[in-house]
C-alpha cells in the first residue's frame, strides 16, 4: 500500500507532514510526499533517503488553463491561495496520468 501526503501550501504544514510520512513508514507502508518545488530545499537529505519514503516535487508554477479572469488580488484576500490550489491540482492530475 502506498499513501500520498500532500501538505497544504506553505512552510508551516511541511514539517508535520514529514513527521506523518515517517510514522507511516515506521509501519512498513510506502509514503509519497508531494511538495511544491519551491519547498524542496527545506527537505533534509536524511528524509529523502528513507527507504519507505519517496519525495516528488511538482513545479511551483504551472501554466493555467484559460479560466475566466480572477478577481483582482486586492478584492479577494484568498486569491493567492486559490491560485496555488489550482496549480497543485493540475500538477497532481499530471502525476496521476
PDB file of N, CA and C in Angstrom:
ATOM      1  N   UNK A   1       0.838  -1.163   0.000  1.00  0.00           N
ATOM      2  CA  UNK A   1       0.000   0.000   0.000  1.00  0.00           C
ATOM      3  C   UNK A   1       0.891   1.236   0.000  1.00  0.00           C
ATOM      4  N   UNK A   2       0.482   2.215  -0.764  1.00  0.00           N
ATOM      5  CA  UNK A   2       1.212   3.481  -0.822  1.00  0.00           C
ATOM      6  C   UNK A   2       0.267   4.595  -0.411  1.00  0.00           C
ATOM      7  N   UNK A   3       0.759   5.490   0.416  1.00  0.00           N
ATOM      8  CA  UNK A   3      -0.040   6.616   0.904  1.00  0.00           C
ATOM      9  C   UNK A   3       0.618   7.902   0.441  1.00  0.00           C
ATOM     10  N   UNK A   4      -0.183   8.742  -0.213  1.00  0.00           N
ATOM     11  CA  UNK A   4       0.318  10.047  -0.652  1.00  0.00           C
ATOM     12  C   UNK A   4       0.023  11.081   0.416  1.00  0.00           C
ATOM     13  N   UNK A   5       1.015  11.910   0.692  1.00  0.00           N
ATOM     14  CA  UNK A   5       0.863  13.002   1.653  1.00  0.00           C
ATOM     15  C   UNK A   5       1.145  14.293   0.904  1.00  0.00           C
ATOM     16  N   UNK A   6       0.155  15.183   0.898  1.00  0.00           N
ATOM     17  CA  UNK A   6       0.275  16.459   0.190  1.00  0.00           C
ATOM     18  C   UNK A   6       0.027  17.570   1.206  1.00  0.00           C
ATOM     19  N   UNK A   7       1.088  18.250   1.676  1.00  0.00           N
ATOM     20  CA  UNK A   7       0.878  19.318   2.650  1.00  0.00           C
ATOM     21  C   UNK A   7       0.207  20.525   2.012  1.00  0.00           C
ATOM     22  N   UNK A   8      -0.561  21.225   2.811  1.00  0.00           N
ATOM     23  CA  UNK A   8      -1.159  22.471   2.346  1.00  0.00           C
ATOM     24  C   UNK A   8      -0.025  23.441   2.076  1.00  0.00           C
ATOM     25  N   UNK A   9      -0.301  24.464   1.306  1.00  0.00           N
ATOM     26  CA  UNK A   9       0.724  25.408   0.858  1.00  0.00           C
ATOM     27  C   UNK A   9       1.444  26.042   2.044  1.00  0.00           C
ATOM     28  N   UNK A  10       2.719  26.186   1.897  1.00  0.00           N
ATOM     29  CA  UNK A  10       3.497  26.929   2.876  1.00  0.00           C
ATOM     30  C   UNK A  10       4.314  26.051   3.802  1.00  0.00           C
ATOM     31  N   UNK A  11       5.260  26.669   4.426  1.00  0.00           N
ATOM     32  CA  UNK A  11       6.238  26.018   5.282  1.00  0.00           C
ATOM     33  C   UNK A  11       5.619  25.415   6.540  1.00  0.00           C
ATOM     34  N   UNK A  12       4.588  26.020   7.091  1.00  0.00           N
ATOM     35  CA  UNK A  12       4.037  25.579   8.367  1.00  0.00           C
ATOM     36  C   UNK A  12       3.473  24.173   8.361  1.00  0.00           C
ATOM     37  N   UNK A  13       3.049  23.678   7.220  1.00  0.00           N
ATOM     38  CA  UNK A  13       2.474  22.333   7.142  1.00  0.00           C
ATOM     39  C   UNK A  13       3.503  21.298   6.716  1.00  0.00           C
ATOM     40  N   UNK A  14       4.663  21.756   6.316  1.00  0.00           N
ATOM     41  CA  UNK A  14       5.682  20.865   5.773  1.00  0.00           C
ATOM     42  C   UNK A  14       6.208  19.873   6.816  1.00  0.00           C
ATOM     43  N   UNK A  15       6.653  20.375   7.947  1.00  0.00           N
ATOM     44  CA  UNK A  15       7.288  19.507   8.937  1.00  0.00           C
ATOM     45  C   UNK A  15       6.310  18.546   9.610  1.00  0.00           C
ATOM     46  N   UNK A  16       5.084  18.959   9.957  1.00  0.00           N
ATOM     47  CA  UNK A  16       4.136  17.963  10.479  1.00  0.00           C
ATOM     48  C   UNK A  16       3.844  16.848   9.466  1.00  0.00           C
ATOM     49  N   UNK A  17       3.785  17.193   8.194  1.00  0.00           N
ATOM     50  CA  UNK A  17       3.537  16.172   7.166  1.00  0.00           C
ATOM     51  C   UNK A  17       4.741  15.255   6.987  1.00  0.00           C
ATOM     52  N   UNK A  18       5.937  15.788   7.165  1.00  0.00           N
ATOM     53  CA  UNK A  18       7.132  14.935   7.122  1.00  0.00           C
ATOM     54  C   UNK A  18       7.096  13.938   8.277  1.00  0.00           C
ATOM     55  N   UNK A  19       6.677  14.401   9.449  1.00  0.00           N
ATOM     56  CA  UNK A  19       6.559  13.503  10.601  1.00  0.00           C
ATOM     57  C   UNK A  19       5.508  12.429  10.341  1.00  0.00           C
ATOM     58  N   UNK A  20       4.416  12.810   9.693  1.00  0.00           N
ATOM     59  CA  UNK A  20       3.386  11.839   9.337  1.00  0.00           C
ATOM     60  C   UNK A  20       3.962  10.768   8.406  1.00  0.00           C
ATOM     61  N   UNK A  21       4.737  11.191   7.417  1.00  0.00           N
ATOM     62  CA  UNK A  21       5.374  10.229   6.498  1.00  0.00           C
ATOM     63  C   UNK A  21       6.293   9.275   7.254  1.00  0.00           C
ATOM     64  N   UNK A  22       7.057   9.803   8.207  1.00  0.00           N
ATOM     65  CA  UNK A  22       7.950   8.945   8.990  1.00  0.00           C
ATOM     66  C   UNK A  22       7.145   7.934   9.807  1.00  0.00           C
ATOM     67  N   UNK A  23       6.046   8.386  10.364  1.00  0.00           N
ATOM     68  CA  UNK A  23       5.197   7.488  11.152  1.00  0.00           C
ATOM     69  C   UNK A  23       4.609   6.388  10.261  1.00  0.00           C
ATOM     70  N   UNK A  24       4.136   6.781   9.089  1.00  0.00           N
ATOM     71  CA  UNK A  24       3.593   5.804   8.132  1.00  0.00           C
ATOM     72  C   UNK A  24       4.679   4.800   7.747  1.00  0.00           C
ATOM     73  N   UNK A  25       5.878   5.308   7.475  1.00  0.00           N
ATOM     74  CA  UNK A  25       6.991   4.442   7.077  1.00  0.00           C
ATOM     75  C   UNK A  25       7.401   3.491   8.208  1.00  0.00           C
ATOM     76  N   UNK A  26       7.264   3.939   9.446  1.00  0.00           N
ATOM     77  CA  UNK A  26       7.626   3.075  10.578  1.00  0.00           C
ATOM     78  C   UNK A  26       6.711   1.859  10.677  1.00  0.00           C
ATOM     79  N   UNK A  27       5.572   1.926  10.005  1.00  0.00           N
ATOM     80  CA  UNK A  27       4.619   0.808   9.969  1.00  0.00           C
ATOM     81  C   UNK A  27       4.801  -0.034   8.693  1.00  0.00           C
ATOM     82  N   UNK A  28       5.919   0.192   8.006  1.00  0.00           N
ATOM     83  CA  UNK A  28       6.273  -0.525   6.773  1.00  0.00           C
ATOM     84  C   UNK A  28       5.327  -0.263   5.606  1.00  0.00           C
ATOM     85  N   UNK A  29       4.739   0.924   5.588  1.00  0.00           N
ATOM     86  CA  UNK A  29       3.963   1.360   4.429  1.00  0.00           C
ATOM     87  C   UNK A  29       4.833   2.315   3.625  1.00  0.00           C
ATOM     88  N   UNK A  30       4.609   2.331   2.329  1.00  0.00           N
ATOM     89  CA  UNK A  30       5.290   3.292   1.465  1.00  0.00           C
ATOM     90  C   UNK A  30       4.520   4.605   1.519  1.00  0.00           C
ATOM     91  N   UNK A  31       5.244   5.706   1.601  1.00  0.00           N
ATOM     92  CA  UNK A  31       4.575   7.003   1.528  1.00  0.00           C
ATOM     93  C   UNK A  31       5.258   7.852   0.466  1.00  0.00           C
ATOM     94  N   UNK A  32       4.451   8.607  -0.223  1.00  0.00           N
ATOM     95  CA  UNK A  32       4.944   9.537  -1.235  1.00  0.00           C
ATOM     96  C   UNK A  32       4.592  10.933  -0.762  1.00  0.00           C
ATOM     97  N   UNK A  33       5.615  11.742  -0.581  1.00  0.00           N
ATOM     98  CA  UNK A  33       5.467  13.099  -0.082  1.00  0.00           C
ATOM     99  C   UNK A  33       5.529  14.023  -1.291  1.00  0.00           C
ATOM    100  N   UNK A  34       4.436  14.679  -1.601  1.00  0.00           N
ATOM    101  CA  UNK A  34       4.344  15.508  -2.803  1.00  0.00           C
ATOM    102  C   UNK A  34       4.391  16.968  -2.386  1.00  0.00           C
ATOM    103  N   UNK A  35       5.426  17.658  -2.866  1.00  0.00           N
ATOM    104  CA  UNK A  35       5.614  19.054  -2.466  1.00  0.00           C
ATOM    105  C   UNK A  35       5.810  19.938  -3.687  1.00  0.00           C
ATOM    106  N   UNK A  36       5.584  21.197  -3.478  1.00  0.00           N
ATOM    107  CA  UNK A  36       5.880  22.206  -4.482  1.00  0.00           C
ATOM    108  C   UNK A  36       7.398  22.381  -4.540  1.00  0.00           C
ATOM    109  N   UNK A  37       7.944  22.570  -5.721  1.00  0.00           N
ATOM    110  CA  UNK A  37       9.403  22.637  -5.875  1.00  0.00           C
ATOM    111  C   UNK A  37      10.036  23.785  -5.091  1.00  0.00           C
ATOM    112  N   UNK A  38       9.268  24.824  -4.793  1.00  0.00           N
ATOM    113  CA  UNK A  38       9.857  25.931  -4.037  1.00  0.00           C
ATOM    114  C   UNK A  38      10.125  25.546  -2.578  1.00  0.00           C
ATOM    115  N   UNK A  39       9.641  24.396  -2.126  1.00  0.00           N
ATOM    116  CA  UNK A  39       9.895  23.933  -0.762  1.00  0.00           C
ATOM    117  C   UNK A  39      10.991  22.871  -0.708  1.00  0.00           C
ATOM    118  N   UNK A  40      11.555  22.506  -1.842  1.00  0.00           N
ATOM    119  CA  UNK A  40      12.482  21.371  -1.902  1.00  0.00           C
ATOM    120  C   UNK A  40      13.720  21.553  -1.031  1.00  0.00           C
ATOM    121  N   UNK A  41      14.202  22.764  -0.875  1.00  0.00           N
ATOM    122  CA  UNK A  41      15.409  22.973  -0.069  1.00  0.00           C
ATOM    123  C   UNK A  41      15.141  22.780   1.421  1.00  0.00           C
ATOM    124  N   UNK A  42      13.882  22.719   1.814  1.00  0.00           N
ATOM    125  CA  UNK A  42      13.533  22.522   3.224  1.00  0.00           C
ATOM    126  C   UNK A  42      13.486  21.051   3.623  1.00  0.00           C
ATOM    127  N   UNK A  43      13.649  20.158   2.657  1.00  0.00           N
ATOM    128  CA  UNK A  43      13.566  18.724   2.933  1.00  0.00           C
ATOM    129  C   UNK A  43      14.971  18.188   3.209  1.00  0.00           C
ATOM    130  N   UNK A  44      15.219  17.680   4.415  1.00  0.00           N
ATOM    131  CA  UNK A  44      16.557  17.163   4.722  1.00  0.00           C
ATOM    132  C   UNK A  44      16.902  15.929   3.884  1.00  0.00           C
ATOM    133  N   UNK A  45      18.176  15.753   3.604  1.00  0.00           N
ATOM    134  CA  UNK A  45      18.593  14.607   2.792  1.00  0.00           C
ATOM    135  C   UNK A  45      18.284  13.289   3.498  1.00  0.00           C
ATOM    136  N   UNK A  46      18.330  13.280   4.824  1.00  0.00           N
ATOM    137  CA  UNK A  46      18.014  12.045   5.556  1.00  0.00           C
ATOM    138  C   UNK A  46      16.568  11.616   5.311  1.00  0.00           C
ATOM    139  N   UNK A  47      15.676  12.581   5.159  1.00  0.00           N
ATOM    140  CA  UNK A  47      14.275  12.271   4.865  1.00  0.00           C
ATOM    141  C   UNK A  47      14.161  11.701   3.456  1.00  0.00           C
ATOM    142  N   UNK A  48      14.863  12.316   2.518  1.00  0.00           N
ATOM    143  CA  UNK A  48      14.825  11.868   1.118  1.00  0.00           C
ATOM    144  C   UNK A  48      15.407  10.460   0.951  1.00  0.00           C
ATOM    145  N   UNK A  49      16.313  10.073   1.821  1.00  0.00           N
ATOM    146  CA  UNK A  49      16.983   8.778   1.693  1.00  0.00           C
ATOM    147  C   UNK A  49      16.261   7.651   2.418  1.00  0.00           C
ATOM    148  N   UNK A  50      15.160   7.960   3.070  1.00  0.00           N
ATOM    149  CA  UNK A  50      14.419   6.914   3.789  1.00  0.00           C
ATOM    150  C   UNK A  50      13.912   5.884   2.785  1.00  0.00           C
ATOM    151  N   UNK A  51      14.089   4.598   3.063  1.00  0.00           N
ATOM    152  CA  UNK A  51      13.710   3.575   2.077  1.00  0.00           C
ATOM    153  C   UNK A  51      12.208   3.457   1.810  1.00  0.00           C
ATOM    154  N   UNK A  52      11.372   3.923   2.732  1.00  0.00           N
ATOM    155  CA  UNK A  52       9.923   3.810   2.547  1.00  0.00           C
ATOM    156  C   UNK A  52       9.264   5.137   2.177  1.00  0.00           C
ATOM    157  N   UNK A  53      10.066   6.165   1.936  1.00  0.00           N
ATOM    158  CA  UNK A  53       9.512   7.487   1.614  1.00  0.00           C
ATOM    159  C   UNK A  53      10.068   7.953   0.282  1.00  0.00           C
ATOM    160  N   UNK A  54       9.175   8.356  -0.584  1.00  0.00           N
ATOM    161  CA  UNK A  54       9.572   8.953  -1.862  1.00  0.00           C
ATOM    162  C   UNK A  54       9.115  10.408  -1.848  1.00  0.00           C
ATOM    163  N   UNK A  55       9.982  11.312  -2.272  1.00  0.00           N
ATOM    164  CA  UNK A  55       9.636  12.730  -2.364  1.00  0.00           C
ATOM    165  C   UNK A  55       9.470  13.068  -3.837  1.00  0.00           C
ATOM    166  N   UNK A  56       8.322  13.621  -4.166  1.00  0.00           N
ATOM    167  CA  UNK A  56       8.061  14.067  -5.535  1.00  0.00           C
ATOM    168  C   UNK A  56       7.846  15.569  -5.497  1.00  0.00           C
ATOM    169  N   UNK A  57       8.594  16.260  -6.332  1.00  0.00           N
ATOM    170  CA  UNK A  57       8.450  17.713  -6.436  1.00  0.00           C
ATOM    171  C   UNK A  57       7.662  18.038  -7.691  1.00  0.00           C
ATOM    172  N   UNK A  58       6.709  18.925  -7.531  1.00  0.00           N
ATOM    173  CA  UNK A  58       5.966  19.401  -8.688  1.00  0.00           C
ATOM    174  C   UNK A  58       6.291  20.873  -8.872  1.00  0.00           C
ATOM    175  N   UNK A  59       6.295  21.351 -10.101  1.00  0.00           N
ATOM    176  CA  UNK A  59       6.655  22.749 -10.343  1.00  0.00           C
ATOM    177  C   UNK A  59       5.791  23.691  -9.513  1.00  0.00           C
ATOM    178  N   UNK A  60       6.435  24.731  -9.002  1.00  0.00           N
ATOM    179  CA  UNK A  60       5.686  25.672  -8.164  1.00  0.00           C
ATOM    180  C   UNK A  60       4.785  26.573  -8.987  1.00  0.00           C
ATOM    181  N   UNK A  61       5.022  26.671 -10.269  1.00  0.00           N
ATOM    182  CA  UNK A  61       4.080  27.418 -11.104  1.00  0.00           C
ATOM    183  C   UNK A  61       3.903  26.667 -12.410  1.00  0.00           C
ATOM    184  N   UNK A  62       2.680  26.410 -12.725  1.00  0.00           N
ATOM    185  CA  UNK A  62       2.330  25.692 -13.943  1.00  0.00           C
ATOM    186  C   UNK A  62       1.472  26.588 -14.814  1.00  0.00           C
ATOM    187  N   UNK A  63       1.486  26.364 -16.105  1.00  0.00           N
ATOM    188  CA  UNK A  63       0.566  27.141 -16.932  1.00  0.00           C
ATOM    189  C   UNK A  63      -0.866  26.762 -16.586  1.00  0.00           C
ATOM    190  N   UNK A  64      -1.671  27.747 -16.373  1.00  0.00           N
ATOM    191  CA  UNK A  64      -3.066  27.516 -16.005  1.00  0.00           C
ATOM    192  C   UNK A  64      -3.924  27.387 -17.249  1.00  0.00           C
ATOM    193  N   UNK A  65      -4.991  26.600 -17.151  1.00  0.00           N
ATOM    194  CA  UNK A  65      -5.928  26.575 -18.271  1.00  0.00           C
ATOM    195  C   UNK A  65      -6.605  27.934 -18.368  1.00  0.00           C
ATOM    196  N   UNK A  66      -7.192  28.248 -19.509  1.00  0.00           N
ATOM    197  CA  UNK A  66      -7.780  29.582 -19.642  1.00  0.00           C
ATOM    198  C   UNK A  66      -9.089  29.717 -18.854  1.00  0.00           C
ATOM    199  N   UNK A  67      -8.996  30.103 -17.570  1.00  0.00           N
ATOM    200  CA  UNK A  67     -10.206  30.306 -16.781  1.00  0.00           C
ATOM    201  C   UNK A  67     -10.749  31.710 -16.999  1.00  0.00           C
ATOM    202  N   UNK A  68     -11.939  31.966 -16.487  1.00  0.00           N
ATOM    203  CA  UNK A  68     -12.402  33.345 -16.537  1.00  0.00           C
ATOM    204  C   UNK A  68     -11.456  34.201 -15.705  1.00  0.00           C
ATOM    205  N   UNK A  69     -11.344  35.469 -16.019  1.00  0.00           N
ATOM    206  CA  UNK A  69     -10.389  36.303 -15.275  1.00  0.00           C
ATOM    207  C   UNK A  69     -10.716  36.312 -13.780  1.00  0.00           C
ATOM    208  N   UNK A  70      -9.693  36.076 -12.942  1.00  0.00           N
ATOM    209  CA  UNK A  70      -9.932  36.078 -11.499  1.00  0.00           C
ATOM    210  C   UNK A  70     -10.137  37.496 -10.983  1.00  0.00           C
ATOM    211  N   UNK A  71     -10.729  37.610  -9.816  1.00  0.00           N
ATOM    212  CA  UNK A  71     -10.875  38.949  -9.245  1.00  0.00           C
ATOM    213  C   UNK A  71      -9.499  39.504  -8.907  1.00  0.00           C
ATOM    214  N   UNK A  72      -9.348  40.800  -8.913  1.00  0.00           N
ATOM    215  CA  UNK A  72      -8.048  41.380  -8.549  1.00  0.00           C
ATOM    216  C   UNK A  72      -7.662  40.949  -7.133  1.00  0.00           C
ATOM    217  N   UNK A  73      -6.371  40.702  -6.897  1.00  0.00           N
ATOM    218  CA  UNK A  73      -5.941  40.233  -5.583  1.00  0.00           C
ATOM    219  C   UNK A  73      -6.408  41.110  -4.425  1.00  0.00           C
ATOM    220  N   UNK A  74      -6.482  42.399  -4.639  1.00  0.00           N
ATOM    221  CA  UNK A  74      -6.895  43.291  -3.554  1.00  0.00           C
ATOM    222  C   UNK A  74      -8.340  43.042  -3.144  1.00  0.00           C
ATOM    223  N   UNK A  75      -9.177  42.593  -4.066  1.00  0.00           N
ATOM    224  CA  UNK A  75     -10.580  42.392  -3.723  1.00  0.00           C
ATOM    225  C   UNK A  75     -10.829  41.029  -3.088  1.00  0.00           C
ATOM    226  N   UNK A  76      -9.904  40.108  -3.209  1.00  0.00           N
ATOM    227  CA  UNK A  76     -10.079  38.782  -2.634  1.00  0.00           C
ATOM    228  C   UNK A  76      -8.791  38.371  -1.922  1.00  0.00           C
ATOM    229  N   UNK A  77      -8.772  38.425  -0.597  1.00  0.00           N
ATOM    230  CA  UNK A  77      -7.536  38.102   0.124  1.00  0.00           C
ATOM    231  C   UNK A  77      -7.102  36.644  -0.037  1.00  0.00           C
ATOM    232  N   UNK A  78      -8.004  35.771  -0.462  1.00  0.00           N
ATOM    233  CA  UNK A  78      -7.661  34.361  -0.638  1.00  0.00           C
ATOM    234  C   UNK A  78      -7.209  34.046  -2.069  1.00  0.00           C
ATOM    235  N   UNK A  79      -7.107  35.060  -2.919  1.00  0.00           N
ATOM    236  CA  UNK A  79      -6.747  34.859  -4.324  1.00  0.00           C
ATOM    237  C   UNK A  79      -5.463  34.035  -4.468  1.00  0.00           C
ATOM    238  N   UNK A  80      -4.434  34.385  -3.710  1.00  0.00           N
ATOM    239  CA  UNK A  80      -3.152  33.678  -3.801  1.00  0.00           C
ATOM    240  C   UNK A  80      -3.326  32.197  -3.464  1.00  0.00           C
ATOM    241  N   UNK A  81      -4.085  31.900  -2.425  1.00  0.00           N
ATOM    242  CA  UNK A  81      -4.291  30.506  -2.025  1.00  0.00           C
ATOM    243  C   UNK A  81      -5.079  29.734  -3.077  1.00  0.00           C
ATOM    244  N   UNK A  82      -6.103  30.358  -3.642  1.00  0.00           N
ATOM    245  CA  UNK A  82      -6.889  29.691  -4.679  1.00  0.00           C
ATOM    246  C   UNK A  82      -6.032  29.401  -5.903  1.00  0.00           C
ATOM    247  N   UNK A  83      -5.184  30.337  -6.274  1.00  0.00           N
ATOM    248  CA  UNK A  83      -4.310  30.158  -7.430  1.00  0.00           C
ATOM    249  C   UNK A  83      -3.334  29.003  -7.185  1.00  0.00           C
ATOM    250  N   UNK A  84      -2.752  28.976  -5.996  1.00  0.00           N
ATOM    251  CA  UNK A  84      -1.819  27.900  -5.668  1.00  0.00           C
ATOM    252  C   UNK A  84      -2.553  26.557  -5.646  1.00  0.00           C
ATOM    253  N   UNK A  85      -3.751  26.549  -5.118  1.00  0.00           N
ATOM    254  CA  UNK A  85      -4.562  25.320  -5.080  1.00  0.00           C
ATOM    255  C   UNK A  85      -4.816  24.821  -6.499  1.00  0.00           C
ATOM    256  N   UNK A  86      -5.150  25.715  -7.393  1.00  0.00           N
ATOM    257  CA  UNK A  86      -5.406  25.356  -8.795  1.00  0.00           C
ATOM    258  C   UNK A  86      -4.161  24.754  -9.438  1.00  0.00           C
ATOM    259  N   UNK A  87      -2.999  25.360  -9.177  1.00  0.00           N
ATOM    260  CA  UNK A  87      -1.750  24.856  -9.742  1.00  0.00           C
ATOM    261  C   UNK A  87      -1.404  23.479  -9.178  1.00  0.00           C
ATOM    262  N   UNK A  88      -1.623  23.289  -7.881  1.00  0.00           N
ATOM    263  CA  UNK A  88      -1.336  21.999  -7.259  1.00  0.00           C
ATOM    264  C   UNK A  88      -2.265  20.924  -7.820  1.00  0.00           C
ATOM    265  N   UNK A  89      -3.536  21.264  -8.026  1.00  0.00           N
ATOM    266  CA  UNK A  89      -4.496  20.302  -8.578  1.00  0.00           C
ATOM    267  C   UNK A  89      -4.077  19.860  -9.979  1.00  0.00           C
ATOM    268  N   UNK A  90      -3.631  20.802 -10.798  1.00  0.00           N
ATOM    269  CA  UNK A  90      -3.171  20.453 -12.145  1.00  0.00           C
ATOM    270  C   UNK A  90      -1.945  19.544 -12.090  1.00  0.00           C
ATOM    271  N   UNK A  91      -1.025  19.853 -11.198  1.00  0.00           N
ATOM    272  CA  UNK A  91       0.186  19.042 -11.082  1.00  0.00           C
ATOM    273  C   UNK A  91      -0.147  17.625 -10.612  1.00  0.00           C
ATOM    274  N   UNK A  92      -1.085  17.502  -9.680  1.00  0.00           N
ATOM    275  CA  UNK A  92      -1.487  16.172  -9.220  1.00  0.00           C
ATOM    276  C   UNK A  92      -2.186  15.397 -10.328  1.00  0.00           C
ATOM    277  N   UNK A  93      -2.996  16.077 -11.123  1.00  0.00           N
ATOM    278  CA  UNK A  93      -3.635  15.412 -12.266  1.00  0.00           C
ATOM    279  C   UNK A  93      -2.584  14.878 -13.230  1.00  0.00           C
ATOM    280  N   UNK A  94      -1.568  15.683 -13.509  1.00  0.00           N
ATOM    281  CA  UNK A  94      -0.493  15.251 -14.406  1.00  0.00           C
ATOM    282  C   UNK A  94       0.266  14.066 -13.818  1.00  0.00           C
ATOM    283  N   UNK A  95       0.462  14.081 -12.515  1.00  0.00           N
ATOM    284  CA  UNK A  95       1.179  12.999 -11.852  1.00  0.00           C
ATOM    285  C   UNK A  95       0.390  11.695 -11.921  1.00  0.00           C
ATOM    286  N   UNK A  96      -0.921  11.780 -11.822  1.00  0.00           N
ATOM    287  CA  UNK A  96      -1.769  10.592 -11.859  1.00  0.00           C
ATOM    288  C   UNK A  96      -1.948  10.037 -13.265  1.00  0.00           C
ATOM    289  N   UNK A  97      -1.761  10.876 -14.270  1.00  0.00           N
ATOM    290  CA  UNK A  97      -1.990  10.390 -15.643  1.00  0.00           C
ATOM    291  C   UNK A  97      -0.739   9.830 -16.278  1.00  0.00           C
TER     292      UNK A  97
END
